[in-house]
Amino acid sequence: MRTIRFALAIWSALLATGLAGAHAMLDRTEPRVGSSVRAAPRQVTLWFTERLEPAFSSAQVYNASGARVDQGRARVDGSVMHVAVKALGPGSYRVRWRVLSVDTHTTEGSFTFRVGE
């Protein structure tokens, strides 16, 4: 009986460890988080640590006034998301993202970047 309990405890610990690491976390972006770029990008690209479910993953880009400046639905390719943007002028921009990894865990967040400064 002790052996069964011990085996179940080990199995539970391994399962929990595997699931905790499965969330799609933001790995890097272009433009970089918090960066200032001279030339306005044509798109914002986000790399995640896990593959994404395209139908349930999204990102939007907003200017300093809160108006959306992206060109609609983001494109997902594996663990990478691309968001096309309109012609951006100088200023601050916020990217808000929400993704569902293929193992059904949702994560979300936001970051900013600046153009022209």
N, C-alpha and C. Protein backbone atom coordinates (compact mmCIF):
# COMPACT_ATOMS: atom_id res chain seq x y z
N MET A 1 0.82 -1.18 0.00
CA MET A 1 0.00 0.00 0.00
C MET A 1 0.87 1.26 0.00
N ARG A 2 1.98 1.24 0.78
CA ARG A 2 2.88 2.39 0.80
C ARG A 2 3.50 2.63 -0.57
N THR A 3 3.80 1.56 -1.26
CA THR A 3 4.40 1.67 -2.58
C THR A 3 3.44 2.34 -3.55
N ILE A 4 2.19 2.00 -3.48
CA ILE A 4 1.19 2.60 -4.37
C ILE A 4 1.05 4.09 -4.06
N ARG A 5 0.97 4.44 -2.78
CA ARG A 5 0.86 5.86 -2.40
C ARG A 5 2.08 6.64 -2.85
N PHE A 6 3.25 6.05 -2.66
CA PHE A 6 4.49 6.71 -3.07
C PHE A 6 4.51 6.91 -4.58
N ALA A 7 4.13 5.88 -5.32
CA ALA A 7 4.10 5.98 -6.79
C ALA A 7 3.10 7.05 -7.24
N LEU A 8 1.94 7.09 -6.61
CA LEU A 8 0.95 8.12 -6.95
C LEU A 8 1.46 9.52 -6.63
N ALA A 9 2.15 9.67 -5.53
CA ALA A 9 2.71 10.98 -5.16
C ALA A 9 3.74 11.43 -6.17
N ILE A 10 4.62 10.54 -6.57
CA ILE A 10 5.64 10.86 -7.59
C ILE A 10 4.98 11.21 -8.91
N TRP A 11 4.03 10.40 -9.34
CA TRP A 11 3.33 10.64 -10.60
C TRP A 11 2.61 11.99 -10.58
N SER A 12 1.93 12.32 -9.48
CA SER A 12 1.24 13.60 -9.35
C SER A 12 2.21 14.77 -9.42
N ALA A 13 3.34 14.64 -8.77
CA ALA A 13 4.34 15.71 -8.79
C ALA A 13 4.89 15.92 -10.20
N LEU A 14 5.17 14.84 -10.90
CA LEU A 14 5.66 14.95 -12.28
C LEU A 14 4.62 15.55 -13.20
N LEU A 15 3.37 15.14 -13.04
CA LEU A 15 2.29 15.67 -13.86
C LEU A 15 2.12 17.17 -13.61
N ALA A 16 2.12 17.60 -12.37
CA ALA A 16 1.97 19.01 -12.03
C ALA A 16 3.12 19.84 -12.59
N THR A 17 4.33 19.34 -12.52
CA THR A 17 5.48 20.04 -13.04
C THR A 17 5.38 20.22 -14.54
N GLY A 18 4.96 19.19 -15.24
CA GLY A 18 4.81 19.26 -16.69
C GLY A 18 3.74 20.24 -17.10
N LEU A 19 2.64 20.29 -16.38
CA LEU A 19 1.55 21.20 -16.72
C LEU A 19 1.91 22.64 -16.41
N ALA A 20 2.62 22.88 -15.36
CA ALA A 20 2.98 24.25 -14.99
C ALA A 20 3.87 24.88 -16.04
N GLY A 21 4.71 24.11 -16.67
CA GLY A 21 5.61 24.65 -17.67
C GLY A 21 5.00 24.76 -19.05
N ALA A 22 3.74 24.39 -19.21
CA ALA A 22 3.13 24.32 -20.53
C ALA A 22 2.46 25.61 -20.97
N HIS A 23 2.36 26.60 -20.15
CA HIS A 23 1.72 27.85 -20.53
C HIS A 23 2.55 28.56 -21.61
N ALA A 24 1.87 29.17 -22.56
CA ALA A 24 2.55 29.93 -23.61
C ALA A 24 2.90 31.31 -23.05
N MET A 25 4.15 31.50 -22.71
CA MET A 25 4.61 32.78 -22.17
C MET A 25 5.30 33.57 -23.28
N LEU A 26 5.21 34.88 -23.18
CA LEU A 26 5.87 35.74 -24.15
C LEU A 26 7.37 35.60 -24.00
N ASP A 27 8.04 35.26 -25.09
CA ASP A 27 9.48 35.05 -25.08
C ASP A 27 10.22 36.31 -25.51
N ARG A 28 9.82 36.87 -26.66
CA ARG A 28 10.44 38.11 -27.14
C ARG A 28 9.51 38.75 -28.16
N THR A 29 9.82 39.99 -28.52
CA THR A 29 8.98 40.73 -29.47
C THR A 29 9.86 41.55 -30.41
N GLU A 30 9.25 41.96 -31.50
CA GLU A 30 9.89 42.90 -32.41
C GLU A 30 8.83 43.86 -32.89
N PRO A 31 8.88 45.15 -32.57
CA PRO A 31 9.90 45.82 -31.78
C PRO A 31 9.96 45.25 -30.36
N ARG A 32 11.13 45.40 -29.77
CA ARG A 32 11.35 44.86 -28.43
C ARG A 32 10.51 45.58 -27.39
N VAL A 33 10.17 44.85 -26.34
CA VAL A 33 9.40 45.40 -25.23
C VAL A 33 10.12 46.63 -24.68
N GLY A 34 9.41 47.75 -24.59
CA GLY A 34 9.96 48.97 -24.01
C GLY A 34 10.95 49.71 -24.88
N SER A 35 11.15 49.27 -26.12
CA SER A 35 12.18 49.89 -26.96
C SER A 35 11.67 51.14 -27.67
N SER A 36 12.60 51.89 -28.21
CA SER A 36 12.31 53.02 -29.10
C SER A 36 12.93 52.69 -30.44
N VAL A 37 12.12 52.80 -31.49
CA VAL A 37 12.60 52.52 -32.84
C VAL A 37 12.50 53.79 -33.68
N ARG A 38 13.45 53.99 -34.57
CA ARG A 38 13.44 55.18 -35.42
C ARG A 38 12.39 55.07 -36.51
N ALA A 39 12.37 53.93 -37.20
CA ALA A 39 11.42 53.72 -38.29
C ALA A 39 10.22 52.92 -37.79
N ALA A 40 9.05 53.33 -38.22
CA ALA A 40 7.84 52.64 -37.81
C ALA A 40 7.80 51.23 -38.40
N PRO A 41 7.48 50.24 -37.61
CA PRO A 41 7.37 48.88 -38.14
C PRO A 41 6.10 48.72 -38.96
N ARG A 42 6.11 47.75 -39.85
CA ARG A 42 4.90 47.41 -40.63
C ARG A 42 4.08 46.37 -39.90
N GLN A 43 4.73 45.67 -38.97
CA GLN A 43 4.04 44.67 -38.16
C GLN A 43 4.73 44.54 -36.82
N VAL A 44 4.01 43.98 -35.87
CA VAL A 44 4.57 43.63 -34.57
C VAL A 44 4.59 42.11 -34.53
N THR A 45 5.71 41.55 -34.12
CA THR A 45 5.86 40.10 -34.05
C THR A 45 6.11 39.69 -32.60
N LEU A 46 5.39 38.67 -32.16
CA LEU A 46 5.50 38.16 -30.80
C LEU A 46 5.87 36.68 -30.86
N TRP A 47 6.91 36.29 -30.14
CA TRP A 47 7.33 34.89 -30.05
C TRP A 47 6.92 34.37 -28.68
N PHE A 48 6.34 33.17 -28.64
CA PHE A 48 5.90 32.55 -27.40
C PHE A 48 6.66 31.25 -27.16
N THR A 49 6.60 30.77 -25.92
CA THR A 49 7.35 29.58 -25.54
C THR A 49 6.63 28.28 -25.91
N GLU A 50 5.40 28.36 -26.35
CA GLU A 50 4.62 27.18 -26.74
C GLU A 50 3.85 27.47 -28.02
N ARG A 51 3.45 26.42 -28.72
CA ARG A 51 2.61 26.59 -29.91
C ARG A 51 1.26 27.17 -29.50
N LEU A 52 0.68 27.98 -30.38
CA LEU A 52 -0.58 28.67 -30.10
C LEU A 52 -1.72 28.06 -30.89
N GLU A 53 -2.91 28.21 -30.34
CA GLU A 53 -4.13 27.83 -31.04
C GLU A 53 -4.61 29.07 -31.79
N PRO A 54 -4.46 29.12 -33.13
CA PRO A 54 -4.75 30.34 -33.89
C PRO A 54 -6.16 30.90 -33.70
N ALA A 55 -7.15 30.05 -33.61
CA ALA A 55 -8.54 30.53 -33.51
C ALA A 55 -8.82 31.27 -32.20
N PHE A 56 -8.00 31.05 -31.19
CA PHE A 56 -8.25 31.63 -29.88
C PHE A 56 -7.10 32.50 -29.37
N SER A 57 -6.28 32.98 -30.27
CA SER A 57 -5.16 33.84 -29.91
C SER A 57 -5.28 35.15 -30.66
N SER A 58 -5.01 36.26 -29.96
CA SER A 58 -5.19 37.56 -30.59
C SER A 58 -4.22 38.59 -30.02
N ALA A 59 -4.05 39.66 -30.77
CA ALA A 59 -3.25 40.79 -30.31
C ALA A 59 -3.78 42.05 -31.01
N GLN A 60 -3.76 43.14 -30.28
CA GLN A 60 -4.16 44.43 -30.82
C GLN A 60 -3.09 45.45 -30.47
N VAL A 61 -2.97 46.48 -31.32
CA VAL A 61 -2.00 47.55 -31.09
C VAL A 61 -2.79 48.85 -30.97
N TYR A 62 -2.47 49.65 -29.94
CA TYR A 62 -3.17 50.90 -29.65
C TYR A 62 -2.18 52.05 -29.60
N ASN A 63 -2.63 53.23 -30.05
CA ASN A 63 -1.78 54.42 -29.92
C ASN A 63 -1.98 55.03 -28.54
N ALA A 64 -1.32 56.15 -28.28
CA ALA A 64 -1.37 56.78 -26.95
C ALA A 64 -2.77 57.27 -26.60
N SER A 65 -3.61 57.52 -27.62
CA SER A 65 -4.99 57.97 -27.38
C SER A 65 -5.94 56.81 -27.15
N GLY A 66 -5.45 55.58 -27.31
CA GLY A 66 -6.29 54.41 -27.11
C GLY A 66 -6.96 53.91 -28.37
N ALA A 67 -6.66 54.52 -29.53
CA ALA A 67 -7.25 54.07 -30.79
C ALA A 67 -6.47 52.88 -31.33
N ARG A 68 -7.18 51.91 -31.87
CA ARG A 68 -6.52 50.74 -32.47
C ARG A 68 -5.83 51.15 -33.76
N VAL A 69 -4.59 50.68 -33.92
CA VAL A 69 -3.81 50.99 -35.12
C VAL A 69 -3.34 49.72 -35.84
N ASP A 70 -3.83 48.56 -35.39
CA ASP A 70 -3.50 47.33 -36.12
C ASP A 70 -4.48 47.18 -37.27
N GLN A 71 -4.18 46.26 -38.16
CA GLN A 71 -5.01 46.06 -39.34
C GLN A 71 -5.93 44.85 -39.22
N GLY A 72 -6.30 44.51 -38.02
CA GLY A 72 -7.24 43.41 -37.82
C GLY A 72 -6.61 42.18 -37.22
N ARG A 73 -7.16 41.06 -37.57
CA ARG A 73 -6.80 39.77 -36.98
C ARG A 73 -5.31 39.45 -37.12
N ALA A 74 -4.72 39.00 -36.02
CA ALA A 74 -3.32 38.58 -36.01
C ALA A 74 -3.17 37.24 -36.73
N ARG A 75 -2.01 37.02 -37.29
CA ARG A 75 -1.69 35.75 -37.97
C ARG A 75 -0.78 34.94 -37.06
N VAL A 76 -1.13 33.67 -36.87
CA VAL A 76 -0.36 32.78 -36.00
C VAL A 76 0.29 31.70 -36.84
N ASP A 77 1.58 31.48 -36.58
CA ASP A 77 2.32 30.42 -37.24
C ASP A 77 3.12 29.67 -36.16
N GLY A 78 2.55 28.58 -35.67
CA GLY A 78 3.21 27.81 -34.60
C GLY A 78 3.20 28.58 -33.29
N SER A 79 4.36 29.04 -32.87
CA SER A 79 4.48 29.79 -31.61
C SER A 79 4.75 31.27 -31.86
N VAL A 80 4.54 31.72 -33.10
CA VAL A 80 4.81 33.11 -33.48
C VAL A 80 3.52 33.78 -33.94
N MET A 81 3.30 35.01 -33.47
CA MET A 81 2.13 35.79 -33.86
C MET A 81 2.59 37.07 -34.53
N HIS A 82 1.96 37.40 -35.67
CA HIS A 82 2.27 38.62 -36.41
C HIS A 82 1.03 39.50 -36.45
N VAL A 83 1.20 40.79 -36.17
CA VAL A 83 0.09 41.73 -36.22
C VAL A 83 0.49 42.87 -37.15
N ALA A 84 -0.18 42.98 -38.30
CA ALA A 84 0.09 44.08 -39.21
C ALA A 84 -0.46 45.37 -38.62
N VAL A 85 0.27 46.47 -38.82
CA VAL A 85 -0.17 47.77 -38.30
C VAL A 85 -0.28 48.78 -39.43
N LYS A 86 -1.12 49.79 -39.20
CA LYS A 86 -1.24 50.91 -40.13
C LYS A 86 0.04 51.72 -40.08
N ALA A 87 0.15 52.72 -40.92
CA ALA A 87 1.33 53.60 -40.90
C ALA A 87 1.37 54.30 -39.54
N LEU A 88 2.41 54.03 -38.76
CA LEU A 88 2.52 54.60 -37.42
C LEU A 88 3.35 55.86 -37.44
N GLY A 89 2.85 56.89 -36.78
CA GLY A 89 3.61 58.11 -36.62
C GLY A 89 4.43 58.06 -35.34
N PRO A 90 5.19 59.09 -35.06
CA PRO A 90 5.95 59.14 -33.81
C PRO A 90 5.02 59.06 -32.60
N GLY A 91 5.46 58.36 -31.58
CA GLY A 91 4.66 58.27 -30.37
C GLY A 91 4.78 56.92 -29.70
N SER A 92 3.95 56.73 -28.69
CA SER A 92 3.94 55.52 -27.87
C SER A 92 2.83 54.59 -28.33
N TYR A 93 3.11 53.29 -28.28
CA TYR A 93 2.13 52.28 -28.69
C TYR A 93 2.10 51.15 -27.67
N ARG A 94 0.90 50.62 -27.44
CA ARG A 94 0.72 49.50 -26.51
C ARG A 94 0.19 48.31 -27.29
N VAL A 95 0.80 47.15 -27.05
CA VAL A 95 0.36 45.90 -27.66
C VAL A 95 -0.28 45.07 -26.56
N ARG A 96 -1.53 44.66 -26.78
CA ARG A 96 -2.21 43.79 -25.83
C ARG A 96 -2.42 42.45 -26.51
N TRP A 97 -2.07 41.38 -25.80
CA TRP A 97 -2.17 40.05 -26.38
C TRP A 97 -2.86 39.09 -25.42
N ARG A 98 -3.48 38.10 -26.02
CA ARG A 98 -4.12 37.01 -25.27
C ARG A 98 -3.97 35.78 -26.14
N VAL A 99 -3.40 34.73 -25.58
CA VAL A 99 -3.17 33.52 -26.37
C VAL A 99 -3.63 32.28 -25.64
N LEU A 100 -3.98 31.29 -26.44
CA LEU A 100 -4.32 29.97 -25.93
C LEU A 100 -3.29 29.01 -26.51
N SER A 101 -2.54 28.35 -25.64
CA SER A 101 -1.57 27.38 -26.13
C SER A 101 -2.33 26.12 -26.54
N VAL A 102 -1.70 25.29 -27.37
CA VAL A 102 -2.38 24.10 -27.87
C VAL A 102 -2.75 23.12 -26.77
N ASP A 103 -2.19 23.29 -25.56
CA ASP A 103 -2.57 22.42 -24.44
C ASP A 103 -3.67 23.06 -23.58
N THR A 104 -4.32 24.09 -24.10
CA THR A 104 -5.51 24.75 -23.53
C THR A 104 -5.25 25.71 -22.36
N HIS A 105 -4.05 26.19 -22.17
CA HIS A 105 -3.78 27.20 -21.14
C HIS A 105 -3.78 28.59 -21.78
N THR A 106 -4.47 29.52 -21.15
CA THR A 106 -4.55 30.89 -21.64
C THR A 106 -3.61 31.80 -20.85
N THR A 107 -2.90 32.67 -21.56
CA THR A 107 -2.10 33.71 -20.91
C THR A 107 -2.37 35.01 -21.65
N GLU A 108 -2.10 36.12 -20.98
CA GLU A 108 -2.31 37.42 -21.60
C GLU A 108 -1.37 38.44 -20.98
N GLY A 109 -1.21 39.54 -21.69
CA GLY A 109 -0.35 40.60 -21.19
C GLY A 109 -0.29 41.76 -22.15
N SER A 110 0.58 42.70 -21.87
CA SER A 110 0.74 43.85 -22.75
C SER A 110 2.16 44.39 -22.60
N PHE A 111 2.56 45.17 -23.58
CA PHE A 111 3.85 45.85 -23.53
C PHE A 111 3.77 47.09 -24.41
N THR A 112 4.75 47.96 -24.24
CA THR A 112 4.78 49.19 -25.03
C THR A 112 6.09 49.30 -25.81
N PHE A 113 6.03 50.13 -26.84
CA PHE A 113 7.21 50.53 -27.59
C PHE A 113 6.95 51.94 -28.12
N ARG A 114 8.02 52.61 -28.53
CA ARG A 114 7.91 53.98 -29.05
C ARG A 114 8.45 54.03 -30.46
N VAL A 115 7.90 54.93 -31.25
CA VAL A 115 8.37 55.16 -32.61
C VAL A 115 8.89 56.60 -32.70
N GLY A 116 10.07 56.75 -33.29
CA GLY A 116 10.59 58.08 -33.59
C GLY A 116 11.30 58.80 -32.49
N GLU A 117 11.59 58.14 -31.40
CA GLU A 117 12.28 58.84 -30.30
C GLU A 117 13.36 57.99 -29.72
